[in-house]
Amino acid sequence: MTYRIGNASGFYGDRFSAVREMLTGGPLDVLTGDYLAELTMLILGRDRMKDPNRGYAKTFLRQMEENLGLAREKGVKIVANAGGLNPAGLADALRELAAELGLDVKVAHVEGDDLVARAEELDLGKPLTANAYLGAWGIVECLNAGADVVVTGRVTDASVIVGPAAAHYGWARDDFDALAGAVAAGHVIECGAQATGGNYAFFTEHSLGVPGFPIAEIEADGSSVITKHPGTGGVVNVGTVTAQLLYEITGARYAGPDVTTRFDTLSLTQDGPDRVRISGVRGEAPPPTLKVALNTLGGFRNETTFVLTGLDIEAKAALVREQLEASLTDRPPADVRWTLARTDHPDAGTEQTASALLHVAVKDADPKVAGRAFTGAAVELALASYPGFHVTAPPSDASPYGVYTAAYVDAGKVPHVAVLPDGMRVDIAPSASTRELSEVDEPALPEPLDRGPVRRVPLGRIAGARSGDKGGNANLGVWVRSEEAWRWLVHRLTVAEFKLLLPETAGLPVTRYLLPNLWAMNFVVEGILGEGVASQARFDPQAKALGEWLRSREIDVPEVLL
């Protein structure tokens, strides 16, 4: 019988009401939630510095206060990674909550991912947080022991879906194809409404409203159907699922702690309204190492934005830059970045549309240097600089920023512990079968499309895109919706063309990966996000809109495709 796993959170701060919506909208066997991202671990690390009893997602606890009784009434198990840096603390808080509500709830948790106390021993330096990405088997152990709620620390995003499926069907550790199928389903639904029309390139083709959250109906062989509760907003189609499959991956091999999923083997078919079947997924043994997310405090940052209005925008920008840099010569910040956004229009009908924005961001190890010494110097120019001088915010103190890096540790050196509802601790061994990760051979290219007449239009007229961040790198997936368009795209959108269309990437390493079964390709741009989202290295620090910028660029497209 199909096992229905829904998801009610794609990040820490997602729609609070989604838990209740999922529990009341239709039948479910398990409700999951992904609360952790690279930036979230830094936020939780700072919380834990203030109070050692914290470090978990407080939102989840409030959601359970409202909905734990409802979940028990409906027989829905809860699995979430909301434990963050303190899964044991969250488990204790849930038990206290259940007692207050008069509920008989068995709570278990998974721990071992937090390596900060052993960071130097493992050659990880002295980070604020250090968390290995654990897999699904600790969750399996907790569910097999009768847990109603399982909370974890840093497991992979898909593991909260893989674990319940593996427990339900009794998969073995080397059932790699079934596990890979569940990983693909988990990768689609773990980001919540992004699978049901949220952030979808072709959103104008559908009446989205407020998209419902996704459900994976997983079968015994790991195949699945992605859907949503009836009557909810949004849409589930091959395009929305393709977009999410491409999100924040690299190439054909998607490595995890339990299985390496071959994204080049899966097939998508529309299985009815708001139903997309994922089938044919093949899996391989996982690599022998686990990824570790490291967050350190990089220093202090601050910023000021000057508004430049009307004529002589470039000259105004040059003047204020020269003046501010001259005033900081005694102790300039270690890093100063200027960005001029030409948002101004000639002969504009409003003052706002006549204005450009000159942004300056600074970083330094000394909070005083990056603080009022910087913003105060900027404001002191108010009566001595370009005409129309004003800034968007008053002087402010510097704020700390984090630096994200990834490391890899032998899986055997990372504890993985399931703490069962009765308090019994069970050690989870790493995979007995491993395989070093390597790239697949680039697939043979299809015959080029006979172009014929072309028309210069935005690439987004025929191509969708979805982009995001992995540390300091950006991932940008592009797909089309017909074989003919694929035959054109795969030959036209080369790395060289990509760099021409997105000049910010021109000097950076860019790798293209092909996924012909999805009529898709994925670009990885190294270093464009600096030291990760918390360092705020660019205007779009998580590269969320990088794909939409690419879609807006004009390119010669064969008229037959239009």
Protein backbone atom coordinates (compact mmCIF):
# COMPACT_ATOMS: atom_id res chain seq x y z
CA MET A 1 0.00 0.00 0.00
CA THR A 2 1.27 3.49 -0.89
CA TYR A 3 2.98 5.30 1.98
CA ARG A 4 2.07 9.00 2.09
CA ILE A 5 4.75 11.33 3.44
CA GLY A 6 3.98 15.04 3.52
CA ASN A 7 6.25 17.96 4.25
CA ALA A 8 5.27 21.11 6.14
CA SER A 9 8.48 23.15 6.28
CA GLY A 10 11.22 23.99 3.81
CA PHE A 11 13.19 26.33 6.06
CA TYR A 12 13.24 27.87 9.54
CA GLY A 13 10.59 30.55 9.07
CA ASP A 14 8.31 28.79 6.58
CA ARG A 15 4.53 29.09 6.79
CA PHE A 16 3.57 28.42 10.42
CA SER A 17 0.09 27.17 9.55
CA ALA A 18 1.40 24.50 7.17
CA VAL A 19 1.51 21.80 9.87
CA ARG A 20 -2.21 22.16 10.58
CA GLU A 21 -3.02 22.49 6.88
CA MET A 22 -1.24 19.23 6.14
CA LEU A 23 -2.83 17.38 9.06
CA THR A 24 -6.36 18.50 8.18
CA GLY A 25 -6.15 18.54 4.37
CA GLY A 26 -6.24 14.82 3.74
CA PRO A 27 -4.73 11.45 4.69
CA LEU A 28 -1.05 11.19 5.66
CA ASP A 29 1.12 8.55 7.27
CA VAL A 30 4.04 10.80 8.18
CA LEU A 31 4.52 14.56 8.33
CA THR A 32 8.08 15.84 7.96
CA GLY A 33 9.76 19.20 8.27
CA ASP A 34 13.10 20.60 7.12
CA TYR A 35 14.17 23.51 9.31
CA LEU A 36 17.91 23.60 8.72
CA ALA A 37 20.02 25.43 6.16
CA GLU A 38 23.62 26.56 6.13
CA LEU A 39 22.65 29.97 7.51
CA THR A 40 20.26 28.43 10.06
CA MET A 41 23.08 26.50 11.72
CA LEU A 42 24.92 29.79 12.28
CA ILE A 43 21.78 31.39 13.73
CA LEU A 44 21.26 28.44 16.06
CA GLY A 45 24.93 28.55 17.01
CA ARG A 46 24.57 32.15 18.12
CA ASP A 47 21.41 31.20 20.05
CA ARG A 48 23.31 28.46 21.83
CA MET A 49 26.09 30.90 22.77
CA LYS A 50 23.47 32.95 24.62
CA ASP A 51 21.74 29.95 26.21
CA PRO A 52 23.21 26.41 26.13
CA ASN A 53 19.68 25.00 26.48
CA ARG A 54 18.65 26.45 23.13
CA GLY A 55 20.01 25.71 19.67
CA TYR A 56 16.85 24.13 18.25
CA ALA A 57 14.04 25.52 16.08
CA LYS A 58 11.64 27.12 18.56
CA THR A 59 8.99 27.49 15.84
CA PHE A 60 8.63 23.72 15.63
CA LEU A 61 7.89 23.49 19.34
CA ARG A 62 5.14 26.10 19.00
CA GLN A 63 3.71 24.24 16.01
CA MET A 64 3.61 21.06 18.09
CA GLU A 65 1.89 22.92 20.91
CA GLU A 66 -0.98 23.59 18.51
CA ASN A 67 -0.93 20.34 16.54
CA LEU A 68 0.60 17.45 18.49
CA GLY A 69 -2.80 16.28 19.70
CA LEU A 70 -4.19 16.47 16.19
CA ALA A 71 -1.31 14.38 14.83
CA ARG A 72 -1.88 11.71 17.51
CA GLU A 73 -5.62 11.70 16.81
CA LYS A 74 -4.99 11.08 13.10
CA GLY A 75 -2.19 8.59 13.67
CA VAL A 76 0.37 10.68 11.80
CA LYS A 77 4.00 10.33 12.83
CA ILE A 78 6.21 13.43 12.91
CA VAL A 79 9.83 13.46 11.71
CA ALA A 80 11.78 16.73 11.59
CA ASN A 81 15.34 17.99 11.75
CA ALA A 82 14.25 20.87 13.99
CA GLY A 83 16.63 19.67 16.72
CA GLY A 84 19.37 21.68 15.08
CA LEU A 85 22.30 21.87 17.48
CA ASN A 86 20.34 20.46 20.42
CA PRO A 87 18.06 17.55 19.42
CA ALA A 88 18.13 16.13 22.95
CA GLY A 89 16.93 19.48 24.32
CA LEU A 90 14.09 19.61 21.82
CA ALA A 91 13.10 16.01 22.62
CA ASP A 92 12.94 16.87 26.33
CA ALA A 93 10.87 19.97 25.56
CA LEU A 94 8.46 17.87 23.50
CA ARG A 95 8.02 15.38 26.33
CA GLU A 96 7.25 18.24 28.71
CA LEU A 97 4.79 19.66 26.20
CA ALA A 98 3.06 16.30 25.75
CA ALA A 99 2.71 15.95 29.52
CA GLU A 100 1.19 19.43 29.77
CA LEU A 101 -1.27 18.54 27.00
CA GLY A 102 -2.11 15.20 28.59
CA LEU A 103 -0.92 13.26 25.55
CA ASP A 104 0.74 9.86 25.48
CA VAL A 105 3.46 10.56 22.91
CA LYS A 106 6.65 8.58 22.40
CA VAL A 107 9.50 10.94 21.51
CA ALA A 108 12.90 9.88 20.17
CA HIS A 109 15.83 11.76 18.75
CA VAL A 110 18.97 11.30 16.66
CA GLU A 111 22.30 12.84 17.61
CA GLY A 112 26.01 12.58 16.87
CA ASP A 113 26.26 15.08 14.02
CA ASP A 114 27.61 17.87 16.26
CA LEU A 115 31.40 17.68 15.96
CA VAL A 116 32.34 21.07 17.38
CA ALA A 117 33.89 19.57 20.54
CA ARG A 118 36.07 17.32 18.37
CA ALA A 119 36.77 19.84 15.63
CA GLU A 120 40.49 20.22 16.25
CA GLU A 121 40.94 16.46 16.62
CA LEU A 122 39.31 16.03 13.20
CA ASP A 123 41.37 18.86 11.62
CA LEU A 124 38.31 21.10 11.33
CA GLY A 125 39.84 24.14 13.02
CA LYS A 126 37.93 26.07 15.67
CA PRO A 127 34.45 26.63 14.23
CA LEU A 128 31.38 28.00 15.97
CA THR A 129 29.40 25.05 14.59
CA ALA A 130 30.53 21.82 12.95
CA ASN A 131 27.82 19.40 11.87
CA ALA A 132 28.13 16.25 9.81
CA TYR A 133 25.28 15.33 7.48
CA LEU A 134 23.91 12.07 8.88
CA GLY A 135 21.61 9.73 7.01
CA ALA A 136 18.27 8.04 7.55
CA TRP A 137 19.07 4.94 9.60
CA GLY A 138 18.92 6.57 13.02
CA ILE A 139 15.41 7.73 12.13
CA VAL A 140 14.58 4.18 11.02
CA GLU A 141 15.73 2.81 14.39
CA CYS A 142 13.59 5.35 16.29
CA LEU A 143 10.47 4.58 14.24
CA ASN A 144 10.96 0.83 14.55
CA ALA A 145 11.07 1.34 18.33
CA GLY A 146 7.59 2.87 18.20
CA ALA A 147 8.39 6.59 18.23
CA ASP A 148 5.52 8.94 17.39
CA VAL A 149 7.84 11.94 17.02
CA VAL A 150 11.47 11.84 15.90
CA VAL A 151 13.64 14.95 15.96
CA THR A 152 17.16 15.10 14.61
CA GLY A 153 20.09 17.41 14.27
CA ARG A 154 21.86 17.86 10.95
CA VAL A 155 20.71 14.98 8.78
CA THR A 156 20.51 15.44 5.02
CA ASP A 157 17.35 17.22 3.97
CA ALA A 158 15.99 14.13 2.23
CA SER A 159 16.71 11.83 5.20
CA VAL A 160 13.56 12.88 7.05
CA ILE A 161 11.63 11.38 4.12
CA VAL A 162 13.92 8.41 3.42
CA GLY A 163 13.88 7.26 7.05
CA PRO A 164 10.11 6.75 7.35
CA ALA A 165 9.95 5.04 3.93
CA ALA A 166 12.82 2.68 4.79
CA ALA A 167 11.26 1.83 8.15
CA HIS A 168 7.83 1.19 6.63
CA TYR A 169 9.04 -1.05 3.81
CA GLY A 170 11.85 -2.73 5.72
CA TRP A 171 14.52 -1.79 3.19
CA ALA A 172 18.03 -3.11 3.77
CA ARG A 173 21.08 -0.88 3.94
CA ASP A 174 22.11 -1.99 0.44
CA ASP A 175 18.70 -1.56 -1.23
CA PHE A 176 20.32 1.28 -3.10
CA ASP A 177 17.75 1.65 -5.88
CA ALA A 178 14.83 1.93 -3.45
CA LEU A 179 16.78 4.30 -1.22
CA ALA A 180 17.73 6.43 -4.23
CA GLY A 181 14.10 6.64 -5.28
CA ALA A 182 13.18 7.89 -1.81
CA VAL A 183 16.04 10.41 -1.93
CA ALA A 184 14.69 11.78 -5.21
CA ALA A 185 11.20 12.09 -3.71
CA GLY A 186 12.66 13.62 -0.56
CA HIS A 187 14.73 16.11 -2.55
CA VAL A 188 11.57 17.24 -4.32
CA ILE A 189 9.36 17.75 -1.26
CA GLU A 190 11.89 18.88 1.38
CA CYS A 191 11.75 22.48 0.17
CA GLY A 192 8.01 22.69 0.73
CA ALA A 193 5.99 24.71 -1.72
CA GLN A 194 8.82 24.96 -4.24
CA ALA A 195 7.48 21.60 -5.49
CA THR A 196 3.90 22.88 -5.80
CA GLY A 197 4.46 25.99 -7.89
CA GLY A 198 6.38 28.26 -5.53
CA ASN A 199 9.33 30.08 -7.12
CA TYR A 200 8.37 28.48 -10.43
CA ALA A 201 9.74 30.03 -13.62
CA PHE A 202 6.48 29.61 -15.57
CA PHE A 203 4.23 30.82 -12.75
CA THR A 204 2.18 33.01 -15.10
CA GLU A 205 0.78 29.88 -16.75
CA HIS A 206 -1.03 28.86 -13.56
CA SER A 207 -3.28 30.35 -10.90
CA LEU A 208 -1.06 29.69 -7.90
CA GLY A 209 -2.83 31.42 -5.03
CA VAL A 210 -1.08 30.22 -1.90
CA PRO A 211 0.48 26.87 -2.87
CA GLY A 212 -0.25 23.87 -0.71
CA PHE A 213 2.61 21.78 0.64
CA PRO A 214 3.77 18.64 -1.16
CA ILE A 215 3.24 14.94 -0.55
CA ALA A 216 5.30 12.00 -1.77
CA GLU A 217 3.36 8.76 -2.23
CA ILE A 218 6.25 6.31 -2.00
CA GLU A 219 6.00 2.71 -3.20
CA ALA A 220 7.89 -0.37 -2.00
CA ASP A 221 10.40 -0.12 -4.88
CA GLY A 222 11.21 3.54 -4.09
CA SER A 223 9.22 4.98 -6.97
CA SER A 224 6.85 7.76 -6.02
CA VAL A 225 4.16 10.17 -7.03
CA ILE A 226 4.53 13.81 -6.02
CA THR A 227 1.18 15.44 -5.26
CA LYS A 228 -0.63 17.70 -2.77
CA HIS A 229 -3.86 17.73 -0.84
CA PRO A 230 -6.95 18.32 -3.03
CA GLY A 231 -8.30 21.84 -3.07
CA THR A 232 -5.02 23.49 -2.09
CA GLY A 233 -3.36 26.18 -4.16
CA GLY A 234 -0.48 25.79 -6.53
CA VAL A 235 0.27 23.15 -9.13
CA VAL A 236 2.26 19.94 -9.38
CA ASN A 237 3.46 19.16 -12.88
CA VAL A 238 6.57 17.85 -14.59
CA GLY A 239 7.96 21.37 -14.69
CA THR A 240 7.61 22.11 -10.97
CA VAL A 241 9.15 18.74 -10.11
CA THR A 242 11.96 19.20 -12.62
CA ALA A 243 12.75 22.60 -11.16
CA GLN A 244 13.04 21.18 -7.67
CA LEU A 245 15.11 18.19 -8.79
CA LEU A 246 17.63 20.65 -10.23
CA TYR A 247 17.75 22.76 -7.08
CA GLU A 248 21.16 22.92 -5.38
CA ILE A 249 22.66 19.86 -7.00
CA THR A 250 25.78 19.44 -9.12
CA GLY A 251 25.71 16.65 -11.68
CA ALA A 252 24.31 13.20 -12.28
CA ARG A 253 25.59 11.72 -9.02
CA TYR A 254 23.91 13.18 -5.93
CA ALA A 255 25.89 11.88 -2.97
CA GLY A 256 24.43 11.21 0.46
CA PRO A 257 25.42 9.27 3.56
CA ASP A 258 23.24 6.25 2.68
CA VAL A 259 23.22 6.17 -1.11
CA THR A 260 24.47 8.06 -4.14
CA THR A 261 21.44 8.82 -6.28
CA ARG A 262 21.82 8.82 -10.04
CA PHE A 263 19.74 11.77 -11.19
CA ASP A 264 20.52 10.83 -14.78
CA THR A 265 18.43 7.64 -14.48
CA LEU A 266 15.08 8.95 -13.24
CA SER A 267 12.04 9.57 -15.39
CA LEU A 268 9.13 11.95 -14.82
CA THR A 269 5.61 11.41 -16.13
CA GLN A 270 2.42 13.35 -15.53
CA ASP A 271 0.20 10.87 -13.68
CA GLY A 272 -2.95 12.98 -13.62
CA PRO A 273 -3.83 16.47 -12.36
CA ASP A 274 -1.31 17.55 -9.70
CA ARG A 275 0.39 14.15 -9.84
CA VAL A 276 3.91 13.49 -11.14
CA ARG A 277 5.47 10.03 -11.06
CA ILE A 278 9.21 9.60 -10.42
CA SER A 279 10.46 6.22 -11.57
CA GLY A 280 13.54 4.37 -12.75
CA VAL A 281 15.88 5.88 -10.15
CA ARG A 282 19.10 3.94 -9.70
CA GLY A 283 21.32 4.12 -6.65
CA GLU A 284 24.94 3.36 -5.86
CA ALA A 285 26.89 2.87 -2.65
CA PRO A 286 27.56 6.15 -0.83
CA PRO A 287 31.02 7.72 -0.58
CA PRO A 288 33.17 6.77 2.44
CA THR A 289 33.13 10.32 3.84
CA LEU A 290 30.46 12.55 5.31
CA LYS A 291 30.09 16.22 4.48
CA VAL A 292 30.56 18.54 7.46
CA ALA A 293 29.10 22.06 7.51
CA LEU A 294 31.41 24.49 9.31
CA ASN A 295 30.41 27.96 10.44
CA THR A 296 32.92 30.39 11.91
CA LEU A 297 32.62 34.03 12.93
CA GLY A 298 34.42 35.91 10.18
CA GLY A 299 34.42 39.38 11.72
CA PHE A 300 32.10 42.36 11.49
CA ARG A 301 30.29 43.98 8.59
CA ASN A 302 28.36 47.15 7.86
CA GLU A 303 26.90 48.95 4.88
CA THR A 304 25.63 52.26 3.61
CA THR A 305 23.56 53.04 0.53
CA PHE A 306 23.79 56.47 -1.09
CA VAL A 307 20.89 57.64 -3.26
CA LEU A 308 22.01 59.38 -6.45
CA THR A 309 19.26 61.24 -8.31
CA GLY A 310 18.98 62.79 -11.75
CA LEU A 311 21.93 63.82 -13.86
CA ASP A 312 25.63 62.92 -13.70
CA ILE A 313 25.10 59.63 -11.82
CA GLU A 314 28.56 58.25 -12.56
CA ALA A 315 30.25 61.52 -11.53
CA LYS A 316 28.24 61.69 -8.30
CA ALA A 317 29.23 58.12 -7.48
CA ALA A 318 32.90 58.83 -8.16
CA LEU A 319 32.84 61.94 -5.97
CA VAL A 320 31.31 60.36 -2.87
CA ARG A 321 33.51 57.30 -3.22
CA GLU A 322 36.63 59.45 -3.38
CA GLN A 323 35.46 61.48 -0.37
CA LEU A 324 34.56 58.52 1.82
CA GLU A 325 37.74 56.59 1.05
CA ALA A 326 39.81 59.70 1.86
CA SER A 327 38.08 60.03 5.25
CA LEU A 328 38.92 56.41 6.13
CA THR A 329 42.62 56.48 5.26
CA ASP A 330 43.80 56.45 8.89
CA ARG A 331 42.28 52.99 9.45
CA PRO A 332 40.43 51.69 6.41
CA PRO A 333 38.29 48.57 6.79
CA ALA A 334 39.98 45.38 5.64
CA ASP A 335 37.43 44.81 2.88
CA VAL A 336 35.46 47.51 1.05
CA ARG A 337 33.07 46.72 -1.81
CA TRP A 338 31.24 49.29 -3.93
CA THR A 339 28.25 48.50 -6.13
CA LEU A 340 26.39 51.00 -8.30
CA ALA A 341 22.88 49.88 -9.25
CA ARG A 342 21.64 51.95 -12.17
CA THR A 343 17.98 51.86 -11.22
CA ASP A 344 17.53 55.38 -12.62
CA HIS A 345 15.55 56.19 -15.76
CA PRO A 346 16.00 59.27 -17.98
CA ASP A 347 13.30 61.95 -17.83
CA ALA A 348 11.64 59.94 -15.02
CA GLY A 349 8.12 60.64 -13.87
CA THR A 350 8.92 60.03 -10.17
CA GLU A 351 11.93 60.87 -8.02
CA GLN A 352 12.41 57.22 -7.14
CA THR A 353 12.65 56.12 -10.77
CA ALA A 354 15.11 58.96 -11.38
CA SER A 355 17.47 57.59 -8.72
CA ALA A 356 20.35 55.12 -8.65
CA LEU A 357 21.73 53.35 -5.59
CA LEU A 358 25.41 53.33 -4.65
CA HIS A 359 26.02 50.61 -2.11
CA VAL A 360 29.20 50.26 -0.05
CA ALA A 361 29.77 47.29 2.25
CA VAL A 362 32.73 46.87 4.58
CA LYS A 363 34.19 44.08 6.69
CA ASP A 364 36.82 44.11 9.40
CA ALA A 365 37.93 42.11 12.42
CA ASP A 366 37.45 45.21 14.59
CA PRO A 367 33.77 46.10 15.18
CA LYS A 368 34.73 49.74 15.79
CA VAL A 369 36.39 50.06 12.40
CA ALA A 370 33.38 48.56 10.62
CA GLY A 371 30.93 50.37 12.91
CA ARG A 372 30.24 54.04 13.55
CA ALA A 373 33.70 55.01 12.30
CA PHE A 374 32.50 53.93 8.87
CA THR A 375 28.82 54.89 8.82
CA GLY A 376 29.51 58.11 10.69
CA ALA A 377 32.10 59.12 8.10
CA ALA A 378 29.54 58.48 5.36
CA VAL A 379 26.87 60.66 6.95
CA GLU A 380 29.35 63.45 7.74
CA LEU A 381 29.55 64.05 3.98
CA ALA A 382 25.88 65.08 3.84
CA LEU A 383 26.48 68.79 3.22
CA ALA A 384 29.80 68.47 1.43
CA SER A 385 29.24 66.04 -1.40
CA TYR A 386 27.08 65.57 -4.50
CA PRO A 387 23.82 67.49 -4.99
CA GLY A 388 20.79 65.72 -3.60
CA PHE A 389 22.86 63.72 -1.10
CA HIS A 390 20.96 61.30 1.13
CA VAL A 391 21.33 57.77 2.40
CA THR A 392 18.76 55.05 3.02
CA ALA A 393 19.48 54.49 6.75
CA PRO A 394 21.03 56.33 9.71
CA PRO A 395 24.51 55.45 11.05
CA SER A 396 24.65 52.00 12.64
CA ASP A 397 26.99 49.72 14.52
CA ALA A 398 28.67 46.79 12.82
CA SER A 399 27.16 43.33 13.05
CA PRO A 400 29.00 40.00 13.18
CA TYR A 401 29.00 37.83 10.09
CA GLY A 402 29.63 34.16 9.57
CA VAL A 403 31.76 32.22 7.13
CA TYR A 404 30.55 28.88 5.81
CA THR A 405 32.86 26.15 4.57
CA ALA A 406 32.39 22.46 3.87
CA ALA A 407 34.75 19.70 4.97
CA TYR A 408 34.70 15.93 4.66
CA VAL A 409 35.34 13.39 7.42
CA ASP A 410 35.64 9.61 7.33
CA ALA A 411 32.14 8.31 8.09
CA GLY A 412 33.54 5.90 10.65
CA LYS A 413 34.76 8.82 12.77
CA VAL A 414 31.32 10.38 13.11
CA PRO A 415 28.95 9.02 15.79
CA HIS A 416 25.37 8.39 14.70
CA VAL A 417 23.15 7.60 17.66
CA ALA A 418 19.42 6.86 17.85
CA VAL A 419 18.05 7.68 21.31
CA LEU A 420 14.86 5.64 21.56
CA PRO A 421 11.68 6.62 23.43
CA ASP A 422 12.75 4.57 26.46
CA GLY A 423 16.15 6.29 26.55
CA MET A 424 18.07 3.36 25.10
CA ARG A 425 20.94 4.48 22.88
CA VAL A 426 21.63 2.61 19.64
CA ASP A 427 24.78 3.24 17.62
CA ILE A 428 24.20 3.36 13.87
CA ALA A 429 27.11 2.01 11.83
CA PRO A 430 28.11 3.74 8.60
CA SER A 431 27.36 2.03 5.31
CA ALA A 432 29.31 -1.21 4.94
CA SER A 433 29.52 -0.66 1.20
CA THR A 434 31.03 2.56 -0.13
CA ARG A 435 32.17 3.95 -3.45
CA GLU A 436 34.41 6.93 -4.07
CA LEU A 437 32.47 9.72 -5.73
CA SER A 438 33.35 10.46 -9.35
CA GLU A 439 31.78 12.28 -12.25
CA VAL A 440 29.88 10.32 -14.86
CA ASP A 441 31.01 10.50 -18.46
CA GLU A 442 29.31 13.33 -20.30
CA PRO A 443 26.41 11.87 -22.27
CA ALA A 444 26.42 11.92 -26.05
CA LEU A 445 24.85 15.09 -27.38
CA PRO A 446 21.72 14.87 -29.54
CA GLU A 447 21.75 16.03 -33.13
CA PRO A 448 21.65 19.85 -33.26
CA LEU A 449 18.34 21.41 -34.19
CA ASP A 450 18.13 22.73 -37.74
CA ARG A 451 17.90 26.35 -36.70
CA GLY A 452 16.22 28.09 -39.61
CA PRO A 453 15.15 31.70 -38.95
CA VAL A 454 15.89 33.03 -35.45
CA ARG A 455 14.43 35.75 -33.28
CA ARG A 456 16.19 37.59 -30.46
CA VAL A 457 14.12 37.04 -27.30
CA PRO A 458 14.75 36.47 -23.59
CA LEU A 459 15.97 32.93 -22.91
CA GLY A 460 13.09 32.57 -20.45
CA ARG A 461 10.61 32.50 -23.33
CA ILE A 462 11.45 28.82 -23.73
CA ALA A 463 13.63 27.85 -20.74
CA GLY A 464 12.93 27.56 -17.04
CA ALA A 465 15.55 28.00 -14.33
CA ARG A 466 15.99 27.45 -10.60
CA SER A 467 19.04 28.64 -8.67
CA GLY A 468 20.42 28.59 -5.14
CA ASP A 469 23.51 28.43 -2.97
CA LYS A 470 25.94 25.83 -1.69
CA GLY A 471 28.44 27.65 0.50
CA GLY A 472 30.26 30.15 -1.68
CA ASN A 473 29.08 28.51 -4.91
CA ALA A 474 25.90 29.09 -6.88
CA ASN A 475 23.94 26.31 -8.58
CA LEU A 476 21.79 27.22 -11.57
CA GLY A 477 19.63 24.61 -13.26
CA VAL A 478 18.09 25.27 -16.68
CA TRP A 479 15.50 23.10 -18.43
CA VAL A 480 13.26 23.14 -21.49
CA ARG A 481 9.99 21.40 -22.22
CA SER A 482 10.47 19.65 -25.53
CA GLU A 483 13.03 17.44 -27.21
CA GLU A 484 13.46 19.99 -30.01
CA ALA A 485 14.22 22.76 -27.52
CA TRP A 486 16.71 20.44 -25.79
CA ARG A 487 18.50 19.78 -29.07
CA TRP A 488 18.93 23.54 -29.42
CA LEU A 489 19.73 24.37 -25.79
CA VAL A 490 22.42 21.74 -25.22
CA HIS A 491 24.47 23.08 -28.15
CA ARG A 492 23.69 26.77 -27.61
CA LEU A 493 24.01 27.28 -23.85
CA THR A 494 27.65 26.34 -23.40
CA VAL A 495 29.81 27.54 -20.52
CA ALA A 496 31.22 30.26 -22.78
CA GLU A 497 27.71 31.47 -23.68
CA PHE A 498 26.65 31.29 -20.03
CA LYS A 499 29.53 33.59 -19.07
CA LEU A 500 28.60 36.03 -21.85
CA LEU A 501 25.00 36.15 -20.66
CA LEU A 502 25.99 36.54 -16.99
CA PRO A 503 29.08 38.78 -16.98
CA GLU A 504 29.46 38.50 -13.18
CA THR A 505 30.54 34.88 -13.76
CA ALA A 506 33.07 35.63 -16.49
CA GLY A 507 36.16 35.40 -14.28
CA LEU A 508 34.97 32.47 -12.19
CA PRO A 509 35.19 28.70 -12.65
CA VAL A 510 31.92 27.42 -14.14
CA THR A 511 31.07 23.76 -14.72
CA ARG A 512 28.16 22.49 -16.81
CA TYR A 513 26.45 19.17 -16.03
CA LEU A 514 23.95 17.57 -18.42
CA LEU A 515 20.79 15.66 -17.43
CA PRO A 516 19.26 14.67 -20.79
CA ASN A 517 16.38 12.68 -19.26
CA LEU A 518 15.11 15.95 -17.76
CA TRP A 519 16.05 18.03 -20.85
CA ALA A 520 18.10 19.96 -18.34
CA MET A 521 21.56 21.18 -17.44
CA ASN A 522 23.03 22.47 -14.24
CA PHE A 523 25.74 25.12 -13.91
CA VAL A 524 27.92 25.41 -10.81
CA VAL A 525 29.56 28.83 -10.41
CA GLU A 526 32.40 28.65 -7.93
CA GLY A 527 33.09 31.52 -5.54
CA ILE A 528 30.39 33.92 -6.69
CA LEU A 529 28.92 34.03 -3.16
CA GLY A 530 32.25 34.65 -1.43
CA GLU A 531 32.30 33.00 1.97
CA GLY A 532 28.65 31.95 1.89
CA VAL A 533 25.28 33.55 2.53
CA ALA A 534 26.14 34.91 5.99
CA SER A 535 29.04 36.91 4.56
CA GLN A 536 26.61 38.85 2.30
CA ALA A 537 29.16 38.97 -0.53
CA ARG A 538 26.75 40.11 -3.25
CA PHE A 539 23.40 41.72 -3.90
CA ASP A 540 21.64 38.32 -4.04
CA PRO A 541 23.62 36.47 -1.33
CA GLN A 542 21.91 33.09 -1.85
CA ALA A 543 21.78 33.28 -5.67
CA LYS A 544 18.02 32.77 -5.52
CA ALA A 545 17.38 35.04 -8.50
CA LEU A 546 20.46 34.19 -10.55
CA GLY A 547 18.35 31.91 -12.72
CA GLU A 548 15.78 34.62 -13.35
CA TRP A 549 18.55 37.00 -14.42
CA LEU A 550 19.71 34.38 -16.92
CA ARG A 551 16.16 33.91 -18.21
CA SER A 552 15.88 37.66 -18.79
CA ARG A 553 18.94 37.81 -21.05
CA GLU A 554 18.27 37.95 -24.77
CA ILE A 555 19.53 35.28 -27.12
CA ASP A 556 18.83 34.18 -30.72
CA VAL A 557 16.19 31.43 -30.56
CA PRO A 558 14.96 29.47 -33.59
CA GLU A 559 11.51 30.67 -34.51
CA VAL A 560 10.31 27.07 -34.74
CA LEU A 561 10.67 26.89 -30.94
CA LEU A 562 8.63 30.06 -30.40
